[in-house]
N, C-alpha and C. Protein backbone atom coordinates (compact mmCIF):
# COMPACT_ATOMS: atom_id res chain seq x y z
N LEU A 1 -115.54 2.17 -1.35
CA LEU A 1 -115.28 2.10 0.08
C LEU A 1 -115.49 0.68 0.60
N LEU A 2 -116.55 0.03 0.12
CA LEU A 2 -116.80 -1.34 0.57
C LEU A 2 -115.71 -2.29 0.10
N VAL A 3 -115.21 -2.09 -1.12
CA VAL A 3 -114.12 -2.92 -1.62
C VAL A 3 -112.87 -2.71 -0.76
N ALA A 4 -112.62 -1.47 -0.37
CA ALA A 4 -111.47 -1.18 0.50
C ALA A 4 -111.64 -1.87 1.86
N TYR A 5 -112.84 -1.83 2.40
CA TYR A 5 -113.08 -2.52 3.67
C TYR A 5 -112.85 -4.02 3.53
N VAL A 6 -113.31 -4.60 2.44
CA VAL A 6 -113.09 -6.03 2.23
C VAL A 6 -111.60 -6.33 2.14
N MET A 7 -110.88 -5.50 1.41
CA MET A 7 -109.44 -5.72 1.26
C MET A 7 -108.69 -5.52 2.58
N LEU A 8 -109.16 -4.61 3.41
CA LEU A 8 -108.50 -4.36 4.68
C LEU A 8 -108.81 -5.42 5.74
N PHE A 9 -110.06 -5.85 5.79
CA PHE A 9 -110.48 -6.66 6.92
C PHE A 9 -110.67 -8.14 6.59
N LEU A 10 -110.71 -8.53 5.34
CA LEU A 10 -110.80 -9.95 5.01
C LEU A 10 -109.57 -10.72 5.48
N PRO A 11 -108.35 -10.20 5.29
CA PRO A 11 -107.20 -10.94 5.83
C PRO A 11 -107.26 -11.11 7.34
N ARG A 12 -107.73 -10.10 8.05
CA ARG A 12 -107.84 -10.19 9.51
C ARG A 12 -108.81 -11.31 9.90
N ALA A 13 -109.91 -11.40 9.18
CA ALA A 13 -110.88 -12.44 9.48
C ALA A 13 -110.38 -13.82 9.05
N MET A 14 -109.67 -13.88 7.95
CA MET A 14 -109.21 -15.17 7.44
C MET A 14 -108.12 -15.78 8.32
N VAL A 15 -107.30 -14.96 8.94
CA VAL A 15 -106.25 -15.49 9.81
C VAL A 15 -106.86 -16.25 10.98
N GLY A 16 -107.85 -15.67 11.61
CA GLY A 16 -108.51 -16.34 12.72
C GLY A 16 -109.27 -17.58 12.29
N LEU A 17 -109.92 -17.50 11.14
CA LEU A 17 -110.65 -18.66 10.63
C LEU A 17 -109.70 -19.79 10.29
N ARG A 18 -108.60 -19.44 9.64
CA ARG A 18 -107.62 -20.47 9.26
C ARG A 18 -107.03 -21.13 10.50
N ALA A 19 -106.72 -20.34 11.52
CA ALA A 19 -106.17 -20.90 12.74
C ALA A 19 -107.16 -21.82 13.44
N SER A 20 -108.42 -21.46 13.46
CA SER A 20 -109.41 -22.31 14.13
C SER A 20 -109.67 -23.59 13.35
N ILE A 21 -109.63 -23.52 12.04
CA ILE A 21 -109.80 -24.74 11.24
C ILE A 21 -108.58 -25.65 11.41
N ALA A 22 -107.39 -25.06 11.49
CA ALA A 22 -106.18 -25.85 11.66
C ALA A 22 -106.14 -26.57 13.00
N GLN A 23 -106.83 -26.04 14.00
CA GLN A 23 -106.83 -26.68 15.31
C GLN A 23 -107.83 -27.84 15.40
N ALA A 24 -108.73 -27.97 14.45
CA ALA A 24 -109.68 -29.07 14.46
C ALA A 24 -108.95 -30.35 14.02
N PRO A 25 -108.94 -31.38 14.84
CA PRO A 25 -108.20 -32.59 14.50
C PRO A 25 -108.79 -33.29 13.26
N VAL A 26 -107.92 -33.62 12.34
CA VAL A 26 -108.33 -34.31 11.12
C VAL A 26 -108.83 -35.71 11.45
N GLU A 27 -108.32 -36.29 12.53
CA GLU A 27 -108.71 -37.65 12.91
C GLU A 27 -110.20 -37.74 13.23
N LEU A 28 -110.75 -36.69 13.80
CA LEU A 28 -112.19 -36.71 14.10
C LEU A 28 -113.01 -36.73 12.81
N GLU A 29 -112.57 -35.97 11.82
CA GLU A 29 -113.26 -35.97 10.54
C GLU A 29 -113.15 -37.34 9.87
N ARG A 30 -111.97 -37.93 9.94
CA ARG A 30 -111.80 -39.28 9.36
C ARG A 30 -112.63 -40.31 10.11
N ALA A 31 -112.72 -40.18 11.42
CA ALA A 31 -113.54 -41.11 12.20
C ALA A 31 -115.01 -40.97 11.82
N ALA A 32 -115.47 -39.75 11.60
CA ALA A 32 -116.86 -39.54 11.19
C ALA A 32 -117.12 -40.16 9.83
N MET A 33 -116.15 -40.04 8.91
CA MET A 33 -116.32 -40.68 7.60
C MET A 33 -116.28 -42.20 7.73
N GLY A 34 -115.47 -42.69 8.68
CA GLY A 34 -115.43 -44.13 8.92
C GLY A 34 -116.73 -44.65 9.50
N LEU A 35 -117.48 -43.80 10.16
CA LEU A 35 -118.77 -44.19 10.75
C LEU A 35 -119.94 -43.95 9.81
N GLY A 36 -119.65 -43.63 8.54
CA GLY A 36 -120.71 -43.55 7.55
C GLY A 36 -121.09 -42.14 7.10
N ARG A 37 -120.46 -41.14 7.59
CA ARG A 37 -120.75 -39.78 7.12
C ARG A 37 -120.05 -39.53 5.80
N THR A 38 -120.68 -38.75 4.96
CA THR A 38 -120.02 -38.33 3.72
C THR A 38 -118.98 -37.27 4.07
N PRO A 39 -118.02 -37.02 3.18
CA PRO A 39 -117.03 -35.98 3.50
C PRO A 39 -117.65 -34.61 3.77
N GLY A 40 -118.70 -34.27 3.05
CA GLY A 40 -119.37 -32.99 3.30
C GLY A 40 -120.03 -32.95 4.66
N GLN A 41 -120.68 -34.06 5.04
CA GLN A 41 -121.31 -34.11 6.36
C GLN A 41 -120.27 -34.07 7.47
N ALA A 42 -119.17 -34.76 7.28
CA ALA A 42 -118.10 -34.76 8.29
C ALA A 42 -117.51 -33.36 8.43
N LEU A 43 -117.32 -32.69 7.32
CA LEU A 43 -116.79 -31.33 7.36
C LEU A 43 -117.76 -30.41 8.11
N ARG A 44 -119.03 -30.50 7.77
CA ARG A 44 -120.04 -29.63 8.38
C ARG A 44 -120.26 -29.97 9.86
N GLN A 45 -120.34 -31.26 10.19
CA GLN A 45 -120.70 -31.66 11.55
C GLN A 45 -119.53 -31.68 12.52
N ILE A 46 -118.32 -31.84 12.00
CA ILE A 46 -117.17 -31.93 12.90
C ILE A 46 -116.31 -30.67 12.81
N THR A 47 -115.72 -30.45 11.64
CA THR A 47 -114.74 -29.38 11.51
C THR A 47 -115.38 -28.01 11.69
N MET A 48 -116.51 -27.77 11.05
CA MET A 48 -117.13 -26.45 11.15
C MET A 48 -117.64 -26.16 12.56
N ARG A 49 -118.12 -27.18 13.25
CA ARG A 49 -118.56 -26.97 14.64
C ARG A 49 -117.38 -26.63 15.54
N LEU A 50 -116.25 -27.29 15.31
CA LEU A 50 -115.07 -26.99 16.13
C LEU A 50 -114.47 -25.63 15.78
N ALA A 51 -114.62 -25.22 14.52
CA ALA A 51 -114.05 -23.95 14.08
C ALA A 51 -114.99 -22.77 14.31
N ALA A 52 -116.23 -23.02 14.69
CA ALA A 52 -117.21 -21.95 14.84
C ALA A 52 -116.81 -20.87 15.85
N PRO A 53 -116.28 -21.21 17.03
CA PRO A 53 -115.87 -20.14 17.95
C PRO A 53 -114.77 -19.26 17.37
N GLY A 54 -113.82 -19.85 16.68
CA GLY A 54 -112.76 -19.06 16.06
C GLY A 54 -113.28 -18.19 14.93
N ALA A 55 -114.24 -18.72 14.18
CA ALA A 55 -114.85 -17.93 13.11
C ALA A 55 -115.63 -16.76 13.69
N ALA A 56 -116.34 -16.99 14.78
CA ALA A 56 -117.09 -15.90 15.42
C ALA A 56 -116.14 -14.84 15.96
N ALA A 57 -115.03 -15.28 16.53
CA ALA A 57 -114.04 -14.31 17.04
C ALA A 57 -113.44 -13.50 15.90
N SER A 58 -113.18 -14.15 14.76
CA SER A 58 -112.64 -13.43 13.61
C SER A 58 -113.60 -12.39 13.09
N VAL A 59 -114.86 -12.74 13.01
CA VAL A 59 -115.87 -11.79 12.56
C VAL A 59 -115.99 -10.64 13.56
N ALA A 60 -115.94 -10.96 14.85
CA ALA A 60 -116.04 -9.92 15.87
C ALA A 60 -114.86 -8.96 15.80
N LEU A 61 -113.66 -9.48 15.61
CA LEU A 61 -112.48 -8.60 15.53
C LEU A 61 -112.53 -7.74 14.27
N ALA A 62 -112.98 -8.31 13.17
CA ALA A 62 -113.11 -7.52 11.94
C ALA A 62 -114.17 -6.44 12.11
N ALA A 63 -115.28 -6.77 12.75
CA ALA A 63 -116.34 -5.78 12.96
C ALA A 63 -115.88 -4.67 13.90
N LEU A 64 -115.10 -5.01 14.92
CA LEU A 64 -114.57 -3.99 15.81
C LEU A 64 -113.61 -3.07 15.06
N GLY A 65 -112.84 -3.63 14.16
CA GLY A 65 -111.93 -2.82 13.35
C GLY A 65 -112.68 -1.90 12.40
N ILE A 66 -113.75 -2.40 11.82
CA ILE A 66 -114.55 -1.59 10.89
C ILE A 66 -115.23 -0.44 11.63
N THR A 67 -115.64 -0.68 12.87
CA THR A 67 -116.34 0.35 13.63
C THR A 67 -115.51 1.62 13.77
N ASN A 68 -114.22 1.46 13.98
CA ASN A 68 -113.41 2.66 14.19
C ASN A 68 -112.39 2.89 13.07
N GLU A 69 -112.58 2.31 11.90
CA GLU A 69 -111.69 2.54 10.76
C GLU A 69 -111.84 3.98 10.30
N LEU A 70 -110.74 4.67 10.18
CA LEU A 70 -110.79 6.07 9.81
C LEU A 70 -110.02 6.37 8.53
N THR A 71 -108.85 5.80 8.37
CA THR A 71 -107.98 6.17 7.26
C THR A 71 -108.61 5.89 5.91
N ALA A 72 -109.05 4.65 5.68
CA ALA A 72 -109.65 4.31 4.40
C ALA A 72 -110.96 5.07 4.18
N THR A 73 -111.70 5.27 5.25
CA THR A 73 -112.96 5.99 5.13
C THR A 73 -112.73 7.43 4.71
N LEU A 74 -111.73 8.07 5.30
CA LEU A 74 -111.44 9.46 4.94
C LEU A 74 -110.96 9.57 3.50
N MET A 75 -110.15 8.62 3.05
CA MET A 75 -109.60 8.71 1.70
C MET A 75 -110.58 8.31 0.61
N LEU A 76 -111.46 7.36 0.89
CA LEU A 76 -112.25 6.76 -0.17
C LEU A 76 -113.75 7.06 -0.12
N SER A 77 -114.23 7.62 0.95
CA SER A 77 -115.68 7.85 1.02
C SER A 77 -116.08 9.02 0.13
N PRO A 78 -117.26 8.94 -0.47
CA PRO A 78 -117.74 10.06 -1.28
C PRO A 78 -118.01 11.29 -0.41
N ASN A 79 -118.01 12.44 -1.03
CA ASN A 79 -118.30 13.68 -0.30
C ASN A 79 -119.69 13.62 0.31
N GLY A 80 -119.80 14.09 1.53
CA GLY A 80 -121.09 14.14 2.19
C GLY A 80 -121.44 12.87 2.96
N VAL A 81 -120.60 11.84 2.88
CA VAL A 81 -120.86 10.60 3.61
C VAL A 81 -120.14 10.67 4.94
N ASP A 82 -120.88 10.55 6.01
CA ASP A 82 -120.31 10.57 7.35
C ASP A 82 -120.54 9.23 8.02
N THR A 83 -119.48 8.71 8.61
CA THR A 83 -119.59 7.52 9.45
C THR A 83 -119.38 7.97 10.89
N LEU A 84 -119.55 7.06 11.83
CA LEU A 84 -119.32 7.43 13.22
C LEU A 84 -117.90 7.91 13.43
N ALA A 85 -116.94 7.19 12.85
CA ALA A 85 -115.54 7.55 13.05
C ALA A 85 -115.20 8.90 12.40
N THR A 86 -115.69 9.14 11.19
CA THR A 86 -115.36 10.41 10.53
C THR A 86 -116.03 11.59 11.23
N LYS A 87 -117.25 11.40 11.67
CA LYS A 87 -117.94 12.49 12.38
C LYS A 87 -117.25 12.78 13.72
N PHE A 88 -116.89 11.73 14.42
CA PHE A 88 -116.17 11.89 15.68
C PHE A 88 -114.84 12.60 15.45
N TRP A 89 -114.12 12.19 14.42
CA TRP A 89 -112.82 12.79 14.11
C TRP A 89 -112.96 14.26 13.74
N SER A 90 -113.94 14.58 12.92
CA SER A 90 -114.09 15.98 12.51
C SER A 90 -114.48 16.87 13.69
N LEU A 91 -115.34 16.37 14.56
CA LEU A 91 -115.74 17.18 15.72
C LEU A 91 -114.61 17.33 16.74
N THR A 92 -113.84 16.27 16.95
CA THR A 92 -112.73 16.40 17.90
C THR A 92 -111.60 17.24 17.33
N SER A 93 -111.43 17.25 16.01
CA SER A 93 -110.39 18.11 15.44
C SER A 93 -110.78 19.59 15.54
N GLU A 94 -112.06 19.87 15.67
CA GLU A 94 -112.54 21.24 15.91
C GLU A 94 -112.63 21.57 17.39
N ILE A 95 -112.18 20.64 18.22
CA ILE A 95 -112.21 20.76 19.68
C ILE A 95 -113.64 21.00 20.19
N ASP A 96 -114.57 20.30 19.57
CA ASP A 96 -115.97 20.34 20.00
C ASP A 96 -116.29 18.98 20.65
N TYR A 97 -115.75 18.76 21.83
CA TYR A 97 -115.86 17.47 22.49
C TYR A 97 -117.28 17.15 22.93
N VAL A 98 -118.05 18.16 23.25
CA VAL A 98 -119.43 17.93 23.68
C VAL A 98 -120.25 17.36 22.52
N SER A 99 -120.06 17.89 21.33
CA SER A 99 -120.79 17.37 20.17
C SER A 99 -120.24 16.02 19.71
N ALA A 100 -118.97 15.74 19.99
CA ALA A 100 -118.37 14.47 19.59
C ALA A 100 -118.73 13.33 20.54
N ALA A 101 -119.14 13.65 21.75
CA ALA A 101 -119.42 12.62 22.75
C ALA A 101 -120.47 11.60 22.32
N PRO A 102 -121.61 11.99 21.69
CA PRO A 102 -122.58 10.96 21.28
C PRO A 102 -122.01 9.98 20.25
N TYR A 103 -121.13 10.44 19.38
CA TYR A 103 -120.53 9.55 18.39
C TYR A 103 -119.56 8.58 19.05
N ALA A 104 -118.79 9.08 20.01
CA ALA A 104 -117.90 8.19 20.75
C ALA A 104 -118.71 7.18 21.55
N PHE A 105 -119.79 7.64 22.16
CA PHE A 105 -120.66 6.74 22.93
C PHE A 105 -121.25 5.65 22.03
N MET A 106 -121.68 6.02 20.82
CA MET A 106 -122.24 5.02 19.90
C MET A 106 -121.19 4.00 19.48
N MET A 107 -119.95 4.44 19.26
CA MET A 107 -118.89 3.49 18.91
C MET A 107 -118.64 2.51 20.05
N VAL A 108 -118.68 3.01 21.28
CA VAL A 108 -118.49 2.13 22.43
C VAL A 108 -119.66 1.17 22.57
N VAL A 109 -120.88 1.68 22.40
CA VAL A 109 -122.08 0.83 22.52
C VAL A 109 -122.08 -0.25 21.44
N LEU A 110 -121.69 0.10 20.22
CA LEU A 110 -121.63 -0.89 19.15
C LEU A 110 -120.54 -1.93 19.37
N SER A 111 -119.50 -1.55 20.08
CA SER A 111 -118.39 -2.47 20.33
C SER A 111 -118.66 -3.39 21.53
N LEU A 112 -119.52 -2.99 22.44
CA LEU A 112 -119.75 -3.76 23.65
C LEU A 112 -120.23 -5.19 23.42
N PRO A 113 -121.25 -5.45 22.59
CA PRO A 113 -121.69 -6.83 22.42
C PRO A 113 -120.59 -7.74 21.88
N LEU A 114 -119.83 -7.24 20.91
CA LEU A 114 -118.76 -8.06 20.36
C LEU A 114 -117.64 -8.27 21.37
N THR A 115 -117.34 -7.25 22.16
CA THR A 115 -116.32 -7.38 23.18
C THR A 115 -116.75 -8.37 24.25
N LEU A 116 -117.99 -8.31 24.65
CA LEU A 116 -118.51 -9.27 25.64
C LEU A 116 -118.49 -10.69 25.09
N MET A 117 -118.82 -10.83 23.81
CA MET A 117 -118.77 -12.16 23.19
C MET A 117 -117.34 -12.70 23.20
N LEU A 118 -116.37 -11.87 22.84
CA LEU A 118 -114.97 -12.30 22.86
C LEU A 118 -114.52 -12.63 24.28
N TYR A 119 -114.97 -11.85 25.25
CA TYR A 119 -114.60 -12.10 26.64
C TYR A 119 -115.16 -13.43 27.14
N THR A 120 -116.43 -13.69 26.91
CA THR A 120 -117.02 -14.95 27.37
C THR A 120 -116.42 -16.13 26.64
N GLN A 121 -116.10 -15.95 25.37
CA GLN A 121 -115.49 -17.05 24.62
C GLN A 121 -114.08 -17.34 25.14
N SER A 122 -113.34 -16.32 25.50
CA SER A 122 -111.99 -16.55 26.04
C SER A 122 -112.08 -17.21 27.41
N LYS A 123 -113.07 -16.83 28.22
CA LYS A 123 -113.26 -17.49 29.52
C LYS A 123 -113.64 -18.95 29.34
N ARG A 124 -114.50 -19.23 28.37
CA ARG A 124 -114.91 -20.60 28.10
C ARG A 124 -113.73 -21.44 27.62
N THR A 125 -112.90 -20.85 26.77
CA THR A 125 -111.73 -21.56 26.26
C THR A 125 -110.73 -21.84 27.37
N ALA A 126 -110.60 -20.90 28.29
CA ALA A 126 -109.68 -21.07 29.41
C ALA A 126 -110.23 -22.04 30.47
N GLY A 127 -111.49 -22.40 30.36
CA GLY A 127 -112.09 -23.35 31.29
C GLY A 127 -112.57 -22.73 32.58
N GLN A 128 -112.87 -21.47 32.55
CA GLN A 128 -113.33 -20.81 33.77
C GLN A 128 -114.80 -20.54 33.74
């Protein structure tokens, strides 16, 4: 199941990371090396700092996807293993909405910090 999660969500995380690294100007890294930094130091101090918000957003989006992933979990999880999504799905398929409500609430609560982080980061990027 963990291998399936890695295969499903690693590309989602890598797309955002790749895009944020591509937006970091190479000239800044070259300028840092021209000022005496080693290539490793320039990469760490310039490129990685500029790419950090995009990397955090990628991790947040992957974590939000994992929180409510159902298909791979249903197909690949061992018998007797329940996640929030599978328990919520099984209870709602039995039309037991009262018992499913705490699982839905937990999925929302787990998603809130990451959603707020993405929201504040988008506001910061927009300059507001």
